[in-house]
Amino acid sequence: MRHRKAYRKFGLPSDQRRALLKSLTRNLLLNDRILTTETRAKEIQPIVEKLVTIARKGGKDASVEMQLHARRMVRRYVDSNIDEFVRDPDHRGPKGGAKIARNPYYVVPRLFEVIAPRYMDRPGGYTRITKVGFRRGDAAPLVLLEFVEGNEVAPMEEVVTASTEGRKSLFGLGRRRK
């Protein structure tokens, strides 16, 4: 019996499970939507909702201490080993060394400056799960986890289509190997 078992294990050790959830959360915050299995989406949805709520409460209207505390709380979960700034080898400085640039995979500023202001008037329910079909191979139910429309929505390059041809290209099943 699974009495008082509050989370899904995914058949993984605890460190790998935490890394999986952090990676999925980071990707959702970077891309505004992800395609994943239903159980994974149901597991990270409350995590993302809590992070957006923390970012809303620690926004620009809050005191400096609250802003700092909110950023630290979010960083504690999301970006444990990703640096905010990195050396960019593509851009050389005047002395030939690489310039220091903001890491594009650092999601804390995006959460506080782009995502949280969208939902200032919304009391909760920032994400939506939409079923899109089953994965070929193991028939795992696939879902699209995305942010609901707020004041403004960033455009996304990929669009999930309901046609069969779109599904084949989405899941990489264009042709069978010989």
N, C-alpha and C. Protein backbone atom coordinates (compact mmCIF):
# COMPACT_ATOMS: atom_id res chain seq x y z
N MET A 1 0.84 -1.19 0.00
CA MET A 1 0.00 0.00 0.00
C MET A 1 0.88 1.24 0.00
N ARG A 2 0.37 2.31 -0.61
CA ARG A 2 1.14 3.55 -0.71
C ARG A 2 0.56 4.63 0.20
N HIS A 3 0.19 4.28 1.40
CA HIS A 3 -0.35 5.29 2.30
C HIS A 3 0.73 6.29 2.66
N ARG A 4 0.37 7.56 2.61
CA ARG A 4 1.24 8.68 2.99
C ARG A 4 2.50 8.77 2.13
N LYS A 5 2.42 8.34 0.91
CA LYS A 5 3.52 8.50 -0.05
C LYS A 5 3.12 9.63 -0.97
N ALA A 6 3.79 10.76 -0.86
CA ALA A 6 3.28 11.99 -1.46
C ALA A 6 3.81 12.27 -2.85
N TYR A 7 4.74 11.52 -3.36
CA TYR A 7 5.32 11.86 -4.65
C TYR A 7 5.57 10.60 -5.46
N ARG A 8 5.85 10.78 -6.72
CA ARG A 8 6.12 9.66 -7.62
C ARG A 8 7.62 9.40 -7.64
N LYS A 9 7.98 8.14 -7.72
CA LYS A 9 9.41 7.79 -7.68
C LYS A 9 10.04 7.66 -9.04
N PHE A 10 9.29 7.38 -10.09
CA PHE A 10 9.77 7.23 -11.46
C PHE A 10 10.78 6.10 -11.61
N GLY A 11 10.91 5.22 -10.65
CA GLY A 11 11.88 4.14 -10.73
C GLY A 11 13.31 4.62 -10.70
N LEU A 12 13.56 5.76 -10.06
CA LEU A 12 14.90 6.35 -10.03
C LEU A 12 15.37 6.54 -8.59
N PRO A 13 16.67 6.53 -8.38
CA PRO A 13 17.20 6.93 -7.07
C PRO A 13 16.88 8.41 -6.80
N SER A 14 16.90 8.80 -5.55
CA SER A 14 16.43 10.13 -5.18
C SER A 14 17.25 11.25 -5.84
N ASP A 15 18.57 11.09 -5.98
CA ASP A 15 19.37 12.14 -6.60
C ASP A 15 19.05 12.30 -8.08
N GLN A 16 18.84 11.18 -8.77
CA GLN A 16 18.48 11.25 -10.18
C GLN A 16 17.07 11.81 -10.37
N ARG A 17 16.16 11.47 -9.46
CA ARG A 17 14.80 11.98 -9.53
C ARG A 17 14.78 13.50 -9.35
N ARG A 18 15.54 13.99 -8.37
CA ARG A 18 15.63 15.44 -8.15
C ARG A 18 16.24 16.14 -9.35
N ALA A 19 17.27 15.55 -9.94
CA ALA A 19 17.89 16.14 -11.13
C ALA A 19 16.92 16.17 -12.31
N LEU A 20 16.13 15.12 -12.48
CA LEU A 20 15.13 15.08 -13.54
C LEU A 20 14.09 16.18 -13.36
N LEU A 21 13.59 16.34 -12.14
CA LEU A 21 12.57 17.35 -11.88
C LEU A 21 13.13 18.77 -12.03
N LYS A 22 14.36 18.99 -11.60
CA LYS A 22 14.98 20.30 -11.79
C LYS A 22 15.18 20.62 -13.26
N SER A 23 15.60 19.62 -14.03
CA SER A 23 15.82 19.84 -15.45
C SER A 23 14.51 20.15 -16.17
N LEU A 24 13.45 19.41 -15.86
CA LEU A 24 12.15 19.67 -16.48
C LEU A 24 11.62 21.05 -16.09
N THR A 25 11.79 21.41 -14.83
CA THR A 25 11.35 22.72 -14.37
C THR A 25 12.11 23.83 -15.07
N ARG A 26 13.42 23.68 -15.18
CA ARG A 26 14.25 24.67 -15.85
C ARG A 26 13.86 24.82 -17.32
N ASN A 27 13.61 23.70 -17.99
CA ASN A 27 13.21 23.76 -19.39
C ASN A 27 11.85 24.41 -19.58
N LEU A 28 10.93 24.16 -18.66
CA LEU A 28 9.62 24.81 -18.76
C LEU A 28 9.76 26.32 -18.56
N LEU A 29 10.59 26.73 -17.63
CA LEU A 29 10.78 28.17 -17.40
C LEU A 29 11.51 28.84 -18.56
N LEU A 30 12.37 28.10 -19.24
CA LEU A 30 13.09 28.67 -20.39
C LEU A 30 12.23 28.75 -21.64
N ASN A 31 11.42 27.72 -21.90
CA ASN A 31 10.73 27.60 -23.18
C ASN A 31 9.23 27.85 -23.12
N ASP A 32 8.67 28.05 -21.95
CA ASP A 32 7.23 28.28 -21.74
C ASP A 32 6.37 27.07 -22.00
N ARG A 33 6.87 26.01 -22.58
CA ARG A 33 6.12 24.77 -22.76
C ARG A 33 7.08 23.62 -23.02
N ILE A 34 6.68 22.43 -22.57
CA ILE A 34 7.49 21.24 -22.79
C ILE A 34 6.57 20.08 -23.12
N LEU A 35 7.08 19.13 -23.86
CA LEU A 35 6.37 17.90 -24.19
C LEU A 35 7.00 16.79 -23.36
N THR A 36 6.21 16.17 -22.48
CA THR A 36 6.74 15.16 -21.58
C THR A 36 5.64 14.16 -21.26
N THR A 37 5.95 13.18 -20.43
CA THR A 37 4.94 12.20 -20.06
C THR A 37 3.99 12.80 -19.03
N GLU A 38 2.84 12.16 -18.91
CA GLU A 38 1.80 12.70 -18.03
C GLU A 38 2.23 12.70 -16.57
N THR A 39 2.87 11.64 -16.12
CA THR A 39 3.25 11.56 -14.71
C THR A 39 4.33 12.59 -14.37
N ARG A 40 5.27 12.81 -15.28
CA ARG A 40 6.29 13.83 -15.04
C ARG A 40 5.67 15.22 -14.99
N ALA A 41 4.74 15.49 -15.89
CA ALA A 41 4.08 16.80 -15.91
C ALA A 41 3.28 17.03 -14.63
N LYS A 42 2.58 16.00 -14.17
CA LYS A 42 1.79 16.14 -12.95
C LYS A 42 2.69 16.34 -11.73
N GLU A 43 3.90 15.84 -11.80
CA GLU A 43 4.82 15.99 -10.67
C GLU A 43 5.47 17.38 -10.64
N ILE A 44 5.78 17.96 -11.80
CA ILE A 44 6.45 19.27 -11.78
C ILE A 44 5.49 20.44 -11.82
N GLN A 45 4.22 20.20 -12.13
CA GLN A 45 3.26 21.31 -12.18
C GLN A 45 3.16 22.05 -10.84
N PRO A 46 3.00 21.38 -9.69
CA PRO A 46 2.95 22.13 -8.43
C PRO A 46 4.25 22.84 -8.10
N ILE A 47 5.37 22.27 -8.52
CA ILE A 47 6.66 22.91 -8.26
C ILE A 47 6.75 24.24 -9.00
N VAL A 48 6.38 24.23 -10.28
CA VAL A 48 6.44 25.45 -11.08
C VAL A 48 5.45 26.49 -10.56
N GLU A 49 4.26 26.03 -10.16
CA GLU A 49 3.26 26.96 -9.63
C GLU A 49 3.80 27.66 -8.37
N LYS A 50 4.46 26.92 -7.50
CA LYS A 50 5.01 27.52 -6.28
C LYS A 50 6.13 28.49 -6.60
N LEU A 51 6.97 28.15 -7.58
CA LEU A 51 8.06 29.06 -7.96
C LEU A 51 7.53 30.36 -8.54
N VAL A 52 6.49 30.29 -9.36
CA VAL A 52 5.90 31.51 -9.92
C VAL A 52 5.25 32.34 -8.82
N THR A 53 4.62 31.69 -7.85
CA THR A 53 4.02 32.42 -6.74
C THR A 53 5.09 33.13 -5.91
N ILE A 54 6.21 32.46 -5.67
CA ILE A 54 7.31 33.09 -4.94
C ILE A 54 7.84 34.29 -5.72
N ALA A 55 7.97 34.13 -7.04
CA ALA A 55 8.47 35.22 -7.88
C ALA A 55 7.48 36.39 -7.91
N ARG A 56 6.18 36.11 -7.89
CA ARG A 56 5.17 37.18 -7.86
C ARG A 56 5.26 37.97 -6.56
N LYS A 57 5.40 37.25 -5.43
CA LYS A 57 5.44 37.93 -4.13
C LYS A 57 6.75 38.69 -3.94
N GLY A 58 7.81 38.25 -4.59
CA GLY A 58 9.10 38.93 -4.48
C GLY A 58 9.40 39.80 -5.67
N GLY A 59 8.38 40.35 -6.32
CA GLY A 59 8.54 41.17 -7.51
C GLY A 59 9.07 42.55 -7.19
N LYS A 60 8.94 43.46 -8.15
CA LYS A 60 9.50 44.80 -8.02
C LYS A 60 8.77 45.64 -6.97
N ASP A 61 7.53 45.28 -6.64
CA ASP A 61 6.79 46.04 -5.65
C ASP A 61 7.17 45.69 -4.22
N ALA A 62 7.84 44.57 -4.01
CA ALA A 62 8.21 44.12 -2.67
C ALA A 62 9.45 44.87 -2.18
N SER A 63 9.72 44.73 -0.89
CA SER A 63 10.90 45.36 -0.32
C SER A 63 12.16 44.67 -0.84
N VAL A 64 13.29 45.32 -0.65
CA VAL A 64 14.57 44.79 -1.15
C VAL A 64 14.88 43.45 -0.48
N GLU A 65 14.60 43.36 0.82
CA GLU A 65 14.87 42.11 1.53
C GLU A 65 14.01 40.97 1.00
N MET A 66 12.74 41.28 0.71
CA MET A 66 11.84 40.25 0.18
C MET A 66 12.25 39.82 -1.22
N GLN A 67 12.70 40.77 -2.05
CA GLN A 67 13.16 40.44 -3.39
C GLN A 67 14.37 39.50 -3.32
N LEU A 68 15.32 39.84 -2.46
CA LEU A 68 16.51 39.01 -2.31
C LEU A 68 16.15 37.63 -1.78
N HIS A 69 15.27 37.60 -0.78
CA HIS A 69 14.87 36.31 -0.21
C HIS A 69 14.15 35.44 -1.24
N ALA A 70 13.29 36.05 -2.04
CA ALA A 70 12.56 35.30 -3.07
C ALA A 70 13.52 34.74 -4.11
N ARG A 71 14.48 35.53 -4.54
CA ARG A 71 15.46 35.04 -5.52
C ARG A 71 16.29 33.90 -4.94
N ARG A 72 16.63 33.99 -3.68
CA ARG A 72 17.40 32.91 -3.06
C ARG A 72 16.57 31.64 -2.94
N MET A 73 15.28 31.78 -2.62
CA MET A 73 14.41 30.61 -2.53
C MET A 73 14.27 29.92 -3.89
N VAL A 74 14.13 30.71 -4.95
CA VAL A 74 14.01 30.12 -6.29
C VAL A 74 15.33 29.49 -6.70
N ARG A 75 16.44 30.17 -6.46
CA ARG A 75 17.75 29.63 -6.84
C ARG A 75 18.07 28.35 -6.09
N ARG A 76 17.57 28.23 -4.88
CA ARG A 76 17.82 27.03 -4.10
C ARG A 76 17.26 25.79 -4.80
N TYR A 77 16.15 25.95 -5.49
CA TYR A 77 15.58 24.80 -6.18
C TYR A 77 16.03 24.69 -7.63
N VAL A 78 16.02 25.78 -8.36
CA VAL A 78 16.18 25.69 -9.82
C VAL A 78 17.63 25.65 -10.26
N ASP A 79 18.43 26.58 -9.84
CA ASP A 79 19.79 26.73 -10.40
C ASP A 79 20.86 26.42 -9.38
N SER A 80 20.95 25.18 -8.97
CA SER A 80 21.92 24.83 -7.96
C SER A 80 23.35 24.80 -8.51
N ASN A 81 23.52 24.50 -9.79
CA ASN A 81 24.88 24.38 -10.32
C ASN A 81 25.06 25.11 -11.65
N ILE A 82 24.22 26.11 -11.94
CA ILE A 82 24.35 26.88 -13.17
C ILE A 82 24.76 28.30 -12.80
N ASP A 83 25.85 28.77 -13.40
CA ASP A 83 26.35 30.10 -13.10
C ASP A 83 25.54 31.16 -13.83
N GLU A 84 25.43 32.34 -13.18
CA GLU A 84 24.68 33.43 -13.80
C GLU A 84 25.45 34.03 -14.97
N PHE A 85 26.79 34.09 -14.84
CA PHE A 85 27.62 34.66 -15.89
C PHE A 85 28.65 33.64 -16.34
N VAL A 86 28.96 33.63 -17.64
CA VAL A 86 29.94 32.71 -18.20
C VAL A 86 30.84 33.48 -19.16
N ARG A 87 31.98 32.90 -19.47
CA ARG A 87 32.86 33.50 -20.47
C ARG A 87 32.33 33.14 -21.85
N ASP A 88 32.12 34.15 -22.68
CA ASP A 88 31.58 33.95 -24.02
C ASP A 88 32.73 33.95 -25.02
N PRO A 89 33.09 32.79 -25.57
CA PRO A 89 34.25 32.74 -26.48
C PRO A 89 33.97 33.41 -27.83
N ASP A 90 32.71 33.62 -28.18
CA ASP A 90 32.38 34.25 -29.47
C ASP A 90 32.66 35.75 -29.47
N HIS A 91 32.60 36.36 -28.30
CA HIS A 91 32.82 37.81 -28.22
C HIS A 91 34.14 38.08 -27.50
N ARG A 92 35.09 38.62 -28.22
CA ARG A 92 36.40 38.91 -27.67
C ARG A 92 36.46 40.34 -27.17
N GLY A 93 37.15 40.53 -26.07
CA GLY A 93 37.35 41.86 -25.52
C GLY A 93 38.48 42.58 -26.23
N PRO A 94 38.81 43.79 -25.78
CA PRO A 94 39.86 44.57 -26.43
C PRO A 94 41.25 43.93 -26.32
N LYS A 95 41.47 43.12 -25.28
CA LYS A 95 42.77 42.48 -25.11
C LYS A 95 42.79 41.05 -25.63
N GLY A 96 41.73 40.64 -26.30
CA GLY A 96 41.70 39.31 -26.89
C GLY A 96 41.05 38.25 -26.02
N GLY A 97 40.80 38.54 -24.75
CA GLY A 97 40.17 37.56 -23.87
C GLY A 97 38.67 37.49 -24.10
N ALA A 98 38.08 36.40 -23.66
CA ALA A 98 36.64 36.23 -23.82
C ALA A 98 35.89 37.15 -22.86
N LYS A 99 34.82 37.76 -23.35
CA LYS A 99 34.00 38.62 -22.51
C LYS A 99 33.11 37.78 -21.60
N ILE A 100 32.76 38.38 -20.49
CA ILE A 100 31.82 37.71 -19.59
C ILE A 100 30.42 38.13 -20.00
N ALA A 101 29.55 37.15 -20.21
CA ALA A 101 28.18 37.41 -20.65
C ALA A 101 27.22 36.64 -19.75
N ARG A 102 25.95 37.03 -19.78
CA ARG A 102 24.94 36.34 -19.00
C ARG A 102 24.67 34.97 -19.62
N ASN A 103 24.59 33.97 -18.78
CA ASN A 103 24.34 32.61 -19.21
C ASN A 103 22.89 32.50 -19.70
N PRO A 104 22.66 32.05 -20.93
CA PRO A 104 21.28 31.96 -21.43
C PRO A 104 20.46 30.88 -20.73
N TYR A 105 21.11 29.96 -20.01
CA TYR A 105 20.39 28.90 -19.32
C TYR A 105 20.12 29.23 -17.87
N TYR A 106 20.43 30.43 -17.45
CA TYR A 106 20.16 30.87 -16.08
C TYR A 106 18.74 31.43 -16.05
N VAL A 107 17.81 30.75 -15.39
CA VAL A 107 16.39 31.06 -15.54
C VAL A 107 15.84 32.01 -14.49
N VAL A 108 16.58 32.33 -13.46
CA VAL A 108 16.03 33.17 -12.39
C VAL A 108 15.63 34.56 -12.89
N PRO A 109 16.46 35.27 -13.67
CA PRO A 109 16.00 36.57 -14.17
C PRO A 109 14.78 36.46 -15.07
N ARG A 110 14.72 35.42 -15.88
CA ARG A 110 13.56 35.24 -16.76
C ARG A 110 12.30 35.02 -15.95
N LEU A 111 12.40 34.25 -14.87
CA LEU A 111 11.23 34.01 -14.02
C LEU A 111 10.74 35.30 -13.37
N PHE A 112 11.66 36.12 -12.87
CA PHE A 112 11.28 37.33 -12.16
C PHE A 112 10.93 38.49 -13.09
N GLU A 113 11.56 38.57 -14.26
CA GLU A 113 11.35 39.73 -15.13
C GLU A 113 10.36 39.48 -16.26
N VAL A 114 10.14 38.23 -16.66
CA VAL A 114 9.26 37.95 -17.79
C VAL A 114 8.01 37.19 -17.36
N ILE A 115 8.20 36.09 -16.65
CA ILE A 115 7.07 35.20 -16.35
C ILE A 115 6.20 35.74 -15.22
N ALA A 116 6.79 36.12 -14.09
CA ALA A 116 6.00 36.56 -12.94
C ALA A 116 5.17 37.82 -13.23
N PRO A 117 5.68 38.83 -13.95
CA PRO A 117 4.82 39.99 -14.23
C PRO A 117 3.59 39.67 -15.07
N ARG A 118 3.63 38.59 -15.86
CA ARG A 118 2.46 38.19 -16.64
C ARG A 118 1.28 37.84 -15.76
N TYR A 119 1.57 37.28 -14.58
CA TYR A 119 0.52 36.71 -13.74
C TYR A 119 0.31 37.50 -12.45
N MET A 120 0.60 38.78 -12.45
CA MET A 120 0.40 39.59 -11.25
C MET A 120 -1.08 39.67 -10.84
N ASP A 121 -1.99 39.62 -11.82
CA ASP A 121 -3.41 39.71 -11.51
C ASP A 121 -4.06 38.34 -11.35
N ARG A 122 -3.31 37.28 -11.50
CA ARG A 122 -3.88 35.93 -11.46
C ARG A 122 -3.52 35.28 -10.12
N PRO A 123 -4.49 34.76 -9.38
CA PRO A 123 -4.20 34.20 -8.06
C PRO A 123 -3.59 32.80 -8.07
N GLY A 124 -3.56 32.13 -9.20
CA GLY A 124 -2.98 30.78 -9.28
C GLY A 124 -3.35 30.15 -10.59
N GLY A 125 -2.96 28.90 -10.77
CA GLY A 125 -3.28 28.19 -12.00
C GLY A 125 -2.52 28.74 -13.19
N TYR A 126 -1.20 28.77 -13.10
CA TYR A 126 -0.38 29.38 -14.14
C TYR A 126 -0.05 28.42 -15.28
N THR A 127 -0.23 27.12 -15.06
CA THR A 127 0.13 26.14 -16.07
C THR A 127 -1.08 25.31 -16.47
N ARG A 128 -0.96 24.66 -17.63
CA ARG A 128 -2.04 23.83 -18.16
C ARG A 128 -1.40 22.56 -18.73
N ILE A 129 -2.10 21.44 -18.56
CA ILE A 129 -1.66 20.16 -19.13
C ILE A 129 -2.65 19.78 -20.22
N THR A 130 -2.14 19.55 -21.44
CA THR A 130 -2.97 19.15 -22.57
C THR A 130 -2.47 17.81 -23.08
N LYS A 131 -3.36 16.83 -23.15
CA LYS A 131 -2.97 15.51 -23.65
C LYS A 131 -2.81 15.56 -25.16
N VAL A 132 -1.72 14.97 -25.68
CA VAL A 132 -1.46 15.01 -27.12
C VAL A 132 -1.37 13.64 -27.76
N GLY A 133 -1.32 12.58 -27.02
CA GLY A 133 -1.26 11.26 -27.63
C GLY A 133 -0.40 10.31 -26.82
N PHE A 134 0.07 9.27 -27.50
CA PHE A 134 0.88 8.26 -26.84
C PHE A 134 2.21 8.13 -27.56
N ARG A 135 3.25 7.85 -26.79
CA ARG A 135 4.58 7.68 -27.36
C ARG A 135 4.69 6.30 -27.98
N ARG A 136 5.28 6.26 -29.17
CA ARG A 136 5.47 4.98 -29.83
C ARG A 136 6.61 4.25 -29.15
N GLY A 137 6.44 2.99 -28.93
CA GLY A 137 7.47 2.20 -28.27
C GLY A 137 6.99 1.68 -26.95
N ASP A 138 6.64 2.58 -26.02
CA ASP A 138 6.14 2.13 -24.73
C ASP A 138 4.72 2.62 -24.45
N ALA A 139 4.13 3.36 -25.38
CA ALA A 139 2.75 3.85 -25.28
C ALA A 139 2.53 4.70 -24.03
N ALA A 140 3.56 5.44 -23.62
CA ALA A 140 3.40 6.34 -22.48
C ALA A 140 2.55 7.54 -22.91
N PRO A 141 1.59 7.96 -22.10
CA PRO A 141 0.76 9.10 -22.48
C PRO A 141 1.58 10.39 -22.46
N LEU A 142 1.60 11.10 -23.58
CA LEU A 142 2.36 12.33 -23.70
C LEU A 142 1.43 13.52 -23.51
N VAL A 143 1.95 14.55 -22.85
CA VAL A 143 1.19 15.77 -22.61
C VAL A 143 2.05 16.97 -22.94
N LEU A 144 1.39 18.08 -23.17
CA LEU A 144 2.05 19.36 -23.37
C LEU A 144 1.80 20.19 -22.11
N LEU A 145 2.85 20.47 -21.38
CA LEU A 145 2.75 21.30 -20.18
C LEU A 145 3.19 22.70 -20.57
N GLU A 146 2.32 23.68 -20.40
CA GLU A 146 2.61 25.04 -20.84
C GLU A 146 2.02 26.05 -19.89
N PHE A 147 2.55 27.26 -19.94
CA PHE A 147 1.99 28.36 -19.18
C PHE A 147 0.72 28.84 -19.87
N VAL A 148 -0.29 29.18 -19.07
CA VAL A 148 -1.51 29.75 -19.64
C VAL A 148 -1.23 31.18 -20.06
N GLU A 149 -2.10 31.73 -20.88
CA GLU A 149 -1.89 33.07 -21.38
C GLU A 149 -2.05 34.08 -20.24
N GLY A 150 -1.06 34.91 -20.10
CA GLY A 150 -1.12 36.00 -19.14
C GLY A 150 -1.29 37.29 -19.89
N ASN A 151 -0.65 38.34 -19.41
CA ASN A 151 -0.73 39.62 -20.10
C ASN A 151 -0.04 39.57 -21.46
N GLU A 152 1.08 38.86 -21.55
CA GLU A 152 1.79 38.71 -22.81
C GLU A 152 2.37 37.31 -22.87
N VAL A 153 2.46 36.74 -24.05
CA VAL A 153 2.96 35.38 -24.21
C VAL A 153 4.09 35.40 -25.23
N ALA A 154 5.21 34.80 -24.86
CA ALA A 154 6.34 34.74 -25.78
C ALA A 154 6.03 33.74 -26.88
N PRO A 155 6.40 34.02 -28.14
CA PRO A 155 6.12 33.08 -29.22
C PRO A 155 6.99 31.84 -29.11
N MET A 156 6.48 30.74 -29.61
CA MET A 156 7.20 29.47 -29.56
C MET A 156 7.43 28.99 -30.99
N GLU A 157 8.59 28.40 -31.25
CA GLU A 157 8.92 27.97 -32.60
C GLU A 157 8.13 26.73 -33.00
N GLU A 158 8.06 25.74 -32.10
CA GLU A 158 7.38 24.50 -32.42
C GLU A 158 5.90 24.60 -32.05
N VAL A 159 5.06 24.08 -32.90
CA VAL A 159 3.64 24.03 -32.61
C VAL A 159 3.20 22.59 -32.78
N VAL A 160 2.52 22.06 -31.77
CA VAL A 160 2.05 20.69 -31.84
C VAL A 160 0.79 20.68 -32.68
N THR A 161 0.80 19.86 -33.73
CA THR A 161 -0.36 19.77 -34.61
C THR A 161 -1.09 18.47 -34.35
N ALA A 162 -2.35 18.44 -34.68
CA ALA A 162 -3.16 17.25 -34.45
C ALA A 162 -3.11 16.29 -35.63
N SER A 163 -2.51 16.69 -36.73
CA SER A 163 -2.47 15.81 -37.89
C SER A 163 -1.46 14.69 -37.68
N THR A 164 -1.62 13.62 -38.42
CA THR A 164 -0.73 12.48 -38.30
C THR A 164 0.68 12.82 -38.75
N GLU A 165 0.81 13.59 -39.81
CA GLU A 165 2.14 13.96 -40.31
C GLU A 165 2.87 14.80 -39.28
N GLY A 166 2.16 15.69 -38.61
CA GLY A 166 2.78 16.52 -37.58
C GLY A 166 3.25 15.69 -36.41
N ARG A 167 2.46 14.68 -36.04
CA ARG A 167 2.85 13.81 -34.94
C ARG A 167 4.07 13.00 -35.30
N LYS A 168 4.15 12.52 -36.52
CA LYS A 168 5.31 11.73 -36.92
C LYS A 168 6.58 12.56 -36.85
N SER A 169 6.51 13.79 -37.33
CA SER A 169 7.72 14.62 -37.29
C SER A 169 8.02 15.06 -35.87
N LEU A 170 6.99 15.22 -35.03
CA LEU A 170 7.20 15.65 -33.65
C LEU A 170 7.93 14.58 -32.85
N PHE A 171 7.57 13.32 -33.07
CA PHE A 171 8.16 12.25 -32.29
C PHE A 171 9.33 11.58 -32.99
N GLY A 172 9.75 12.10 -34.14
CA GLY A 172 10.90 11.54 -34.83
C GLY A 172 10.62 10.22 -35.48
N LEU A 173 9.42 10.02 -36.02
CA LEU A 173 9.05 8.74 -36.60
C LEU A 173 8.81 8.85 -38.09
N GLY A 174 9.57 9.68 -38.77
CA GLY A 174 9.34 9.93 -40.19
C GLY A 174 9.41 8.67 -41.03
N ARG A 175 10.50 7.93 -40.92
CA ARG A 175 10.66 6.71 -41.71
C ARG A 175 11.22 5.61 -40.82
N ARG A 176 10.94 4.40 -41.21
CA ARG A 176 11.52 3.26 -40.49
C ARG A 176 12.89 2.96 -41.07
N ARG A 177 13.76 2.48 -40.23
CA ARG A 177 15.08 2.09 -40.70
C ARG A 177 15.02 0.73 -41.37
N LYS A 178 15.90 0.53 -42.34
CA LYS A 178 15.93 -0.75 -43.05
C LYS A 178 16.88 -1.71 -42.39
